[in-house]
Amino acid sequence: MSSERQLDLTLQLKELMQKVGINSFKQLYRSTGTSADAIGKLRSGNLNTLRWQTLVNISDTLEISVNELIDTFGEQLSSNKTQPNVSKSSHQALKTLQHEYQHLQHQFQQQREILQAEFQYQSLQTLESFLTYFPTAKYAAAQNHDFPASKILPLVQSIDRLIQQWDVSIIGTVGARVEYDPRWHQLIAGTATPEELVTVRYVGYRQDDKLIFRAKVSN
């Protein structure tokens, strides 16, 4: 690598360091948990010899993505064809790192969505008693403003917002007459056959097509 190119990479690295409050290369390799040799390779654009975790540590410290790190300090490997020490294998090594990073990002996003959905579902299960009986109390308060429960309505608006954010749908409306459907309704009094009209006593909840708990109904 030419001295001009190395100077250019060093200046770019210093700019990134200044943005995150790092004032020296010594402070940089201590912050990243890497060695002075690793930072030297970064300044020379020799990324293909660095371990994947080292690239992640450096990019996290500089608050940029691994792709940005590779594009900034590794582009010489793919764009400058005049350097004899730049080989196809070096170029391929960077491409492999980029592909691995993108694959891990995709896996992380999928895992995050799965964990988030599971957390929401378990939380809703924990809130079953509140979610079941509060709509009925709210209905009674709406019918009678002197009903004591009316005083607590403003306190639970955050619960309603939370349910909306989680794309949770309420099954039924308290007092409504609906066709009995065992998939979504739990009969708590009397008897009923599918499609027979019943009255919703307590609402149920579902998230998309996933049942959380059924609406409680009677005939």
C-alpha atoms as a PDB file:
ATOM      1  CA  MET A   1       0.000   0.000   0.000  1.00  0.00           C
ATOM      2  CA  SER A   2       1.266   3.477  -0.866  1.00  0.00           C
ATOM      3  CA  SER A   3       2.146   5.885   1.931  1.00  0.00           C
ATOM      4  CA  GLU A   4      -0.486   8.289   0.570  1.00  0.00           C
ATOM      5  CA  ARG A   5      -3.184   5.672   0.842  1.00  0.00           C
ATOM      6  CA  GLN A   6      -2.126   4.727   4.365  1.00  0.00           C
ATOM      7  CA  LEU A   7      -2.121   8.400   5.382  1.00  0.00           C
ATOM      8  CA  ASP A   8      -5.613   8.802   3.926  1.00  0.00           C
ATOM      9  CA  LEU A   9      -6.927   5.819   5.910  1.00  0.00           C
ATOM     10  CA  THR A  10      -5.245   7.106   9.059  1.00  0.00           C
ATOM     11  CA  LEU A  11      -6.914  10.495   8.655  1.00  0.00           C
ATOM     12  CA  GLN A  12     -10.317   8.844   8.106  1.00  0.00           C
ATOM     13  CA  LEU A  13      -9.793   6.725  11.186  1.00  0.00           C
ATOM     14  CA  LYS A  14      -8.893   9.788  13.268  1.00  0.00           C
ATOM     15  CA  GLU A  15     -12.073  11.535  12.113  1.00  0.00           C
ATOM     16  CA  LEU A  16     -14.172   8.567  13.244  1.00  0.00           C
ATOM     17  CA  MET A  17     -12.295   8.452  16.548  1.00  0.00           C
ATOM     18  CA  GLN A  18     -12.918  12.141  17.212  1.00  0.00           C
ATOM     19  CA  LYS A  19     -16.664  11.663  16.677  1.00  0.00           C
ATOM     20  CA  VAL A  20     -16.780   9.184  19.560  1.00  0.00           C
ATOM     21  CA  GLY A  21     -14.330  11.034  21.803  1.00  0.00           C
ATOM     22  CA  ILE A  22     -11.275   8.829  21.295  1.00  0.00           C
ATOM     23  CA  ASN A  23      -8.085  10.905  21.174  1.00  0.00           C
ATOM     24  CA  SER A  24      -5.325   8.386  20.521  1.00  0.00           C
ATOM     25  CA  PHE A  25      -4.688   5.043  18.859  1.00  0.00           C
ATOM     26  CA  LYS A  26      -3.651   3.681  22.249  1.00  0.00           C
ATOM     27  CA  GLN A  27      -7.043   4.622  23.626  1.00  0.00           C
ATOM     28  CA  LEU A  28      -8.674   3.087  20.554  1.00  0.00           C
ATOM     29  CA  TYR A  29      -7.146  -0.370  20.890  1.00  0.00           C
ATOM     30  CA  ARG A  30      -7.868  -0.352  24.606  1.00  0.00           C
ATOM     31  CA  SER A  31     -11.500   0.637  23.969  1.00  0.00           C
ATOM     32  CA  THR A  32     -11.919  -2.039  21.314  1.00  0.00           C
ATOM     33  CA  GLY A  33     -10.121  -4.734  23.310  1.00  0.00           C
ATOM     34  CA  THR A  34      -7.790  -5.316  20.375  1.00  0.00           C
ATOM     35  CA  SER A  35      -4.045  -4.918  19.883  1.00  0.00           C
ATOM     36  CA  ALA A  36      -1.935  -2.113  18.460  1.00  0.00           C
ATOM     37  CA  ASP A  37      -1.117  -4.510  15.616  1.00  0.00           C
ATOM     38  CA  ALA A  38      -4.811  -4.856  14.753  1.00  0.00           C
ATOM     39  CA  ILE A  39      -5.257  -1.081  14.621  1.00  0.00           C
ATOM     40  CA  GLY A  40      -2.139  -0.910  12.460  1.00  0.00           C
ATOM     41  CA  LYS A  41      -3.699  -3.351  10.016  1.00  0.00           C
ATOM     42  CA  LEU A  42      -6.835  -1.245   9.961  1.00  0.00           C
ATOM     43  CA  ARG A  43      -4.800   1.861   9.111  1.00  0.00           C
ATOM     44  CA  SER A  44      -3.069  -0.021   6.304  1.00  0.00           C
ATOM     45  CA  GLY A  45      -6.317  -1.433   4.890  1.00  0.00           C
ATOM     46  CA  ASN A  46      -5.219  -5.001   5.608  1.00  0.00           C
ATOM     47  CA  LEU A  47      -8.591  -6.141   6.943  1.00  0.00           C
ATOM     48  CA  ASN A  48      -8.549  -9.621   5.472  1.00  0.00           C
ATOM     49  CA  THR A  49      -6.088 -10.766   8.152  1.00  0.00           C
ATOM     50  CA  LEU A  50      -8.246  -9.552  11.039  1.00  0.00           C
ATOM     51  CA  ARG A  51     -10.633 -11.827  12.883  1.00  0.00           C
ATOM     52  CA  TRP A  52     -14.356 -11.266  12.481  1.00  0.00           C
ATOM     53  CA  GLN A  53     -14.838 -10.416  16.158  1.00  0.00           C
ATOM     54  CA  THR A  54     -12.082  -7.814  15.918  1.00  0.00           C
ATOM     55  CA  LEU A  55     -13.956  -6.056  13.117  1.00  0.00           C
ATOM     56  CA  VAL A  56     -17.145  -6.142  15.173  1.00  0.00           C
ATOM     57  CA  ASN A  57     -15.375  -4.684  18.227  1.00  0.00           C
ATOM     58  CA  ILE A  58     -13.842  -1.870  16.188  1.00  0.00           C
ATOM     59  CA  SER A  59     -17.084  -1.021  14.379  1.00  0.00           C
ATOM     60  CA  ASP A  60     -19.037  -0.998  17.655  1.00  0.00           C
ATOM     61  CA  THR A  61     -16.496   1.331  19.272  1.00  0.00           C
ATOM     62  CA  LEU A  62     -16.509   3.704  16.281  1.00  0.00           C
ATOM     63  CA  GLU A  63     -20.316   3.489  16.174  1.00  0.00           C
ATOM     64  CA  ILE A  64     -20.470   2.415  12.540  1.00  0.00           C
ATOM     65  CA  SER A  65     -21.574  -0.839  10.930  1.00  0.00           C
ATOM     66  CA  VAL A  66     -19.142  -3.561   9.931  1.00  0.00           C
ATOM     67  CA  ASN A  67     -20.113  -2.957   6.308  1.00  0.00           C
ATOM     68  CA  GLU A  68     -19.128   0.714   6.647  1.00  0.00           C
ATOM     69  CA  LEU A  69     -15.843  -0.300   8.260  1.00  0.00           C
ATOM     70  CA  ILE A  70     -15.046  -2.668   5.405  1.00  0.00           C
ATOM     71  CA  ASP A  71     -16.132  -0.190   2.731  1.00  0.00           C
ATOM     72  CA  THR A  72     -13.972   2.549   4.262  1.00  0.00           C
ATOM     73  CA  PHE A  73     -10.815   0.662   5.149  1.00  0.00           C
ATOM     74  CA  GLY A  74     -11.010  -2.302   2.807  1.00  0.00           C
ATOM     75  CA  GLU A  75     -12.128  -0.781  -0.482  1.00  0.00           C
ATOM     76  CA  GLN A  76      -8.524  -0.529  -1.642  1.00  0.00           C
ATOM     77  CA  LEU A  77      -8.442  -4.293  -1.776  1.00  0.00           C
ATOM     78  CA  SER A  78     -11.222  -4.388  -4.331  1.00  0.00           C
ATOM     79  CA  SER A  79     -10.685  -1.172  -6.278  1.00  0.00           C
ATOM     80  CA  ASN A  80      -6.911  -0.707  -6.743  1.00  0.00           C
ATOM     81  CA  LYS A  81      -5.581  -3.201  -9.293  1.00  0.00           C
ATOM     82  CA  THR A  82      -2.077  -1.685  -9.490  1.00  0.00           C
ATOM     83  CA  GLN A  83      -0.828  -3.018  -6.174  1.00  0.00           C
ATOM     84  CA  PRO A  84       1.037  -6.318  -6.529  1.00  0.00           C
ATOM     85  CA  ASN A  85       0.301  -7.384  -2.942  1.00  0.00           C
ATOM     86  CA  VAL A  86      -3.461  -7.223  -3.448  1.00  0.00           C
ATOM     87  CA  SER A  87      -4.737 -10.651  -4.426  1.00  0.00           C
ATOM     88  CA  LYS A  88      -8.056 -12.092  -5.405  1.00  0.00           C
ATOM     89  CA  SER A  89      -8.033 -14.076  -2.166  1.00  0.00           C
ATOM     90  CA  SER A  90      -7.871 -10.824  -0.165  1.00  0.00           C
ATOM     91  CA  HIS A  91     -10.819  -9.464  -2.071  1.00  0.00           C
ATOM     92  CA  GLN A  92     -12.737 -12.681  -1.543  1.00  0.00           C
ATOM     93  CA  ALA A  93     -11.931 -12.643   2.179  1.00  0.00           C
ATOM     94  CA  LEU A  94     -13.600  -9.254   2.549  1.00  0.00           C
ATOM     95  CA  LYS A  95     -16.574 -10.373   0.519  1.00  0.00           C
ATOM     96  CA  THR A  96     -16.906 -13.391   2.776  1.00  0.00           C
ATOM     97  CA  LEU A  97     -16.800 -11.171   5.860  1.00  0.00           C
ATOM     98  CA  GLN A  98     -19.493  -8.906   4.424  1.00  0.00           C
ATOM     99  CA  HIS A  99     -21.675 -11.891   3.571  1.00  0.00           C
ATOM    100  CA  GLU A 100     -21.191 -13.360   7.059  1.00  0.00           C
ATOM    101  CA  TYR A 101     -22.071 -10.037   8.661  1.00  0.00           C
ATOM    102  CA  GLN A 102     -25.261  -9.689   6.628  1.00  0.00           C
ATOM    103  CA  HIS A 103     -26.220 -13.293   7.435  1.00  0.00           C
ATOM    104  CA  LEU A 104     -25.673 -12.737  11.159  1.00  0.00           C
ATOM    105  CA  GLN A 105     -27.667  -9.509  11.019  1.00  0.00           C
ATOM    106  CA  HIS A 106     -30.576 -11.381   9.437  1.00  0.00           C
ATOM    107  CA  GLN A 107     -30.364 -14.154  12.028  1.00  0.00           C
ATOM    108  CA  PHE A 108     -30.220 -11.621  14.857  1.00  0.00           C
ATOM    109  CA  GLN A 109     -33.273  -9.779  13.541  1.00  0.00           C
ATOM    110  CA  GLN A 110     -35.241 -13.026  13.241  1.00  0.00           C
ATOM    111  CA  GLN A 111     -34.258 -14.092  16.762  1.00  0.00           C
ATOM    112  CA  ARG A 112     -35.156 -10.663  18.097  1.00  0.00           C
ATOM    113  CA  GLU A 113     -38.625 -10.828  16.532  1.00  0.00           C
ATOM    114  CA  ILE A 114     -39.201 -14.327  17.927  1.00  0.00           C
ATOM    115  CA  LEU A 115     -38.133 -13.287  21.434  1.00  0.00           C
ATOM    116  CA  GLN A 116     -40.242 -10.134  21.263  1.00  0.00           C
ATOM    117  CA  ALA A 117     -43.327 -12.069  20.197  1.00  0.00           C
ATOM    118  CA  GLU A 118     -42.767 -14.637  22.955  1.00  0.00           C
ATOM    119  CA  PHE A 119     -42.296 -11.882  25.548  1.00  0.00           C
ATOM    120  CA  GLN A 120     -45.510 -10.201  24.454  1.00  0.00           C
ATOM    121  CA  TYR A 121     -47.454 -13.461  24.539  1.00  0.00           C
ATOM    122  CA  GLN A 122     -46.188 -14.410  28.011  1.00  0.00           C
ATOM    123  CA  SER A 123     -46.926 -10.902  29.292  1.00  0.00           C
ATOM    124  CA  LEU A 124     -50.464 -11.049  27.966  1.00  0.00           C
ATOM    125  CA  GLN A 125     -50.977 -14.414  29.622  1.00  0.00           C
ATOM    126  CA  THR A 126     -49.856 -12.877  32.917  1.00  0.00           C
ATOM    127  CA  LEU A 127     -52.339 -10.023  32.459  1.00  0.00           C
ATOM    128  CA  GLU A 128     -55.252 -12.395  31.769  1.00  0.00           C
ATOM    129  CA  SER A 129     -57.304 -11.454  34.830  1.00  0.00           C
ATOM    130  CA  PHE A 130     -56.934  -7.729  34.208  1.00  0.00           C
ATOM    131  CA  LEU A 131     -57.588  -7.978  30.476  1.00  0.00           C
ATOM    132  CA  THR A 132     -60.624 -10.180  31.051  1.00  0.00           C
ATOM    133  CA  TYR A 133     -62.429  -8.248  33.755  1.00  0.00           C
ATOM    134  CA  PHE A 134     -61.412  -4.649  33.183  1.00  0.00           C
ATOM    135  CA  PRO A 135     -63.454  -4.117  29.962  1.00  0.00           C
ATOM    136  CA  THR A 136     -66.569  -5.157  31.876  1.00  0.00           C
ATOM    137  CA  ALA A 137     -65.760  -2.698  34.672  1.00  0.00           C
ATOM    138  CA  LYS A 138     -65.130  -0.026  32.044  1.00  0.00           C
ATOM    139  CA  TYR A 139     -68.480  -0.804  30.435  1.00  0.00           C
ATOM    140  CA  ALA A 140     -70.268  -0.462  33.789  1.00  0.00           C
ATOM    141  CA  ALA A 141     -68.503   2.830  34.455  1.00  0.00           C
ATOM    142  CA  ALA A 142     -69.558   4.175  31.062  1.00  0.00           C
ATOM    143  CA  GLN A 143     -73.175   3.395  31.903  1.00  0.00           C
ATOM    144  CA  ASN A 144     -72.982   5.065  35.319  1.00  0.00           C
ATOM    145  CA  HIS A 145     -70.539   7.936  35.823  1.00  0.00           C
ATOM    146  CA  ASP A 146     -70.970   7.619  39.580  1.00  0.00           C
ATOM    147  CA  PHE A 147     -69.606   4.098  39.421  1.00  0.00           C
ATOM    148  CA  PRO A 148     -66.320   4.097  41.421  1.00  0.00           C
ATOM    149  CA  ALA A 149     -64.449   2.365  38.613  1.00  0.00           C
ATOM    150  CA  SER A 150     -64.785   5.534  36.515  1.00  0.00           C
ATOM    151  CA  LYS A 151     -62.071   7.090  38.645  1.00  0.00           C
ATOM    152  CA  ILE A 152     -59.482   4.539  37.534  1.00  0.00           C
ATOM    153  CA  LEU A 153     -60.126   4.763  33.796  1.00  0.00           C
ATOM    154  CA  PRO A 154     -57.426   7.391  33.075  1.00  0.00           C
ATOM    155  CA  LEU A 155     -54.886   5.235  34.923  1.00  0.00           C
ATOM    156  CA  VAL A 156     -55.174   2.328  32.529  1.00  0.00           C
ATOM    157  CA  GLN A 157     -55.042   4.118  29.193  1.00  0.00           C
ATOM    158  CA  SER A 158     -51.425   3.020  28.892  1.00  0.00           C
ATOM    159  CA  ILE A 159     -52.594  -0.599  28.863  1.00  0.00           C
ATOM    160  CA  ASP A 160     -54.837   0.144  25.899  1.00  0.00           C
ATOM    161  CA  ARG A 161     -51.915   1.763  24.068  1.00  0.00           C
ATOM    162  CA  LEU A 162     -49.702  -1.210  24.847  1.00  0.00           C
ATOM    163  CA  ILE A 163     -52.267  -3.612  23.413  1.00  0.00           C
ATOM    164  CA  GLN A 164     -52.525  -1.548  20.240  1.00  0.00           C
ATOM    165  CA  GLN A 165     -48.742  -1.417  19.843  1.00  0.00           C
ATOM    166  CA  TRP A 166     -48.580  -5.192  20.081  1.00  0.00           C
ATOM    167  CA  ASP A 167     -51.279  -5.608  17.402  1.00  0.00           C
ATOM    168  CA  VAL A 168     -53.548  -7.387  19.856  1.00  0.00           C
ATOM    169  CA  SER A 169     -57.220  -7.639  18.869  1.00  0.00           C
ATOM    170  CA  ILE A 170     -60.092  -7.786  21.340  1.00  0.00           C
ATOM    171  CA  ILE A 171     -62.531 -10.640  20.793  1.00  0.00           C
ATOM    172  CA  GLY A 172     -66.069  -9.401  21.268  1.00  0.00           C
ATOM    173  CA  THR A 173     -67.659  -6.369  22.913  1.00  0.00           C
ATOM    174  CA  VAL A 174     -69.179  -6.554  26.379  1.00  0.00           C
ATOM    175  CA  GLY A 175     -72.969  -6.893  26.096  1.00  0.00           C
ATOM    176  CA  ALA A 176     -72.921  -7.689  22.378  1.00  0.00           C
ATOM    177  CA  ARG A 177     -74.942 -10.558  20.935  1.00  0.00           C
ATOM    178  CA  VAL A 178     -72.736 -12.685  18.688  1.00  0.00           C
ATOM    179  CA  GLU A 179     -72.793 -16.086  17.018  1.00  0.00           C
ATOM    180  CA  TYR A 180     -71.200 -18.654  19.284  1.00  0.00           C
ATOM    181  CA  ASP A 181     -67.850 -19.872  17.972  1.00  0.00           C
ATOM    182  CA  PRO A 182     -65.963 -22.350  20.216  1.00  0.00           C
ATOM    183  CA  ARG A 183     -62.656 -21.242  18.663  1.00  0.00           C
ATOM    184  CA  TRP A 184     -62.989 -17.760  20.169  1.00  0.00           C
ATOM    185  CA  HIS A 185     -65.688 -18.107  22.835  1.00  0.00           C
ATOM    186  CA  GLN A 186     -65.834 -19.852  26.215  1.00  0.00           C
ATOM    187  CA  LEU A 187     -69.334 -20.618  27.428  1.00  0.00           C
ATOM    188  CA  ILE A 188     -69.605 -19.791  31.143  1.00  0.00           C
ATOM    189  CA  ALA A 189     -73.395 -20.152  31.604  1.00  0.00           C
ATOM    190  CA  GLY A 190     -76.096 -22.126  29.838  1.00  0.00           C
ATOM    191  CA  THR A 191     -75.671 -24.144  26.676  1.00  0.00           C
ATOM    192  CA  ALA A 192     -75.133 -23.146  23.073  1.00  0.00           C
ATOM    193  CA  THR A 193     -74.364 -24.679  19.715  1.00  0.00           C
ATOM    194  CA  PRO A 194     -72.109 -23.100  17.092  1.00  0.00           C
ATOM    195  CA  GLU A 195     -73.681 -20.047  15.403  1.00  0.00           C
ATOM    196  CA  GLU A 196     -76.336 -19.750  18.111  1.00  0.00           C
ATOM    197  CA  LEU A 197     -76.566 -16.221  19.512  1.00  0.00           C
ATOM    198  CA  VAL A 198     -74.857 -15.657  22.852  1.00  0.00           C
ATOM    199  CA  THR A 199     -73.989 -12.590  24.938  1.00  0.00           C
ATOM    200  CA  VAL A 200     -70.404 -11.478  25.543  1.00  0.00           C
ATOM    201  CA  ARG A 201     -69.779 -11.132  29.273  1.00  0.00           C
ATOM    202  CA  TYR A 202     -66.012 -10.728  29.225  1.00  0.00           C
ATOM    203  CA  VAL A 203     -63.895 -10.045  26.166  1.00  0.00           C
ATOM    204  CA  GLY A 204     -61.104 -12.268  24.890  1.00  0.00           C
ATOM    205  CA  TYR A 205     -57.848 -11.440  23.118  1.00  0.00           C
ATOM    206  CA  ARG A 206     -55.844 -12.687  20.187  1.00  0.00           C
ATOM    207  CA  GLN A 207     -52.648 -11.613  18.429  1.00  0.00           C
ATOM    208  CA  ASP A 208     -53.133 -11.987  14.693  1.00  0.00           C
ATOM    209  CA  ASP A 209     -54.498 -15.560  14.414  1.00  0.00           C
ATOM    210  CA  LYS A 210     -52.937 -16.697  17.700  1.00  0.00           C
ATOM    211  CA  LEU A 211     -55.467 -17.088  20.519  1.00  0.00           C
ATOM    212  CA  ILE A 212     -54.409 -15.613  23.844  1.00  0.00           C
ATOM    213  CA  PHE A 213     -57.637 -16.410  25.669  1.00  0.00           C
ATOM    214  CA  ARG A 214     -61.278 -16.731  24.634  1.00  0.00           C
ATOM    215  CA  ALA A 215     -64.111 -14.307  25.246  1.00  0.00           C
ATOM    216  CA  LYS A 216     -66.433 -15.521  27.996  1.00  0.00           C
ATOM    217  CA  VAL A 217     -70.061 -15.723  26.861  1.00  0.00           C
ATOM    218  CA  SER A 218     -73.473 -16.933  28.023  1.00  0.00           C
ATOM    219  CA  ASN A 219     -76.752 -17.614  26.226  1.00  0.00           C
END
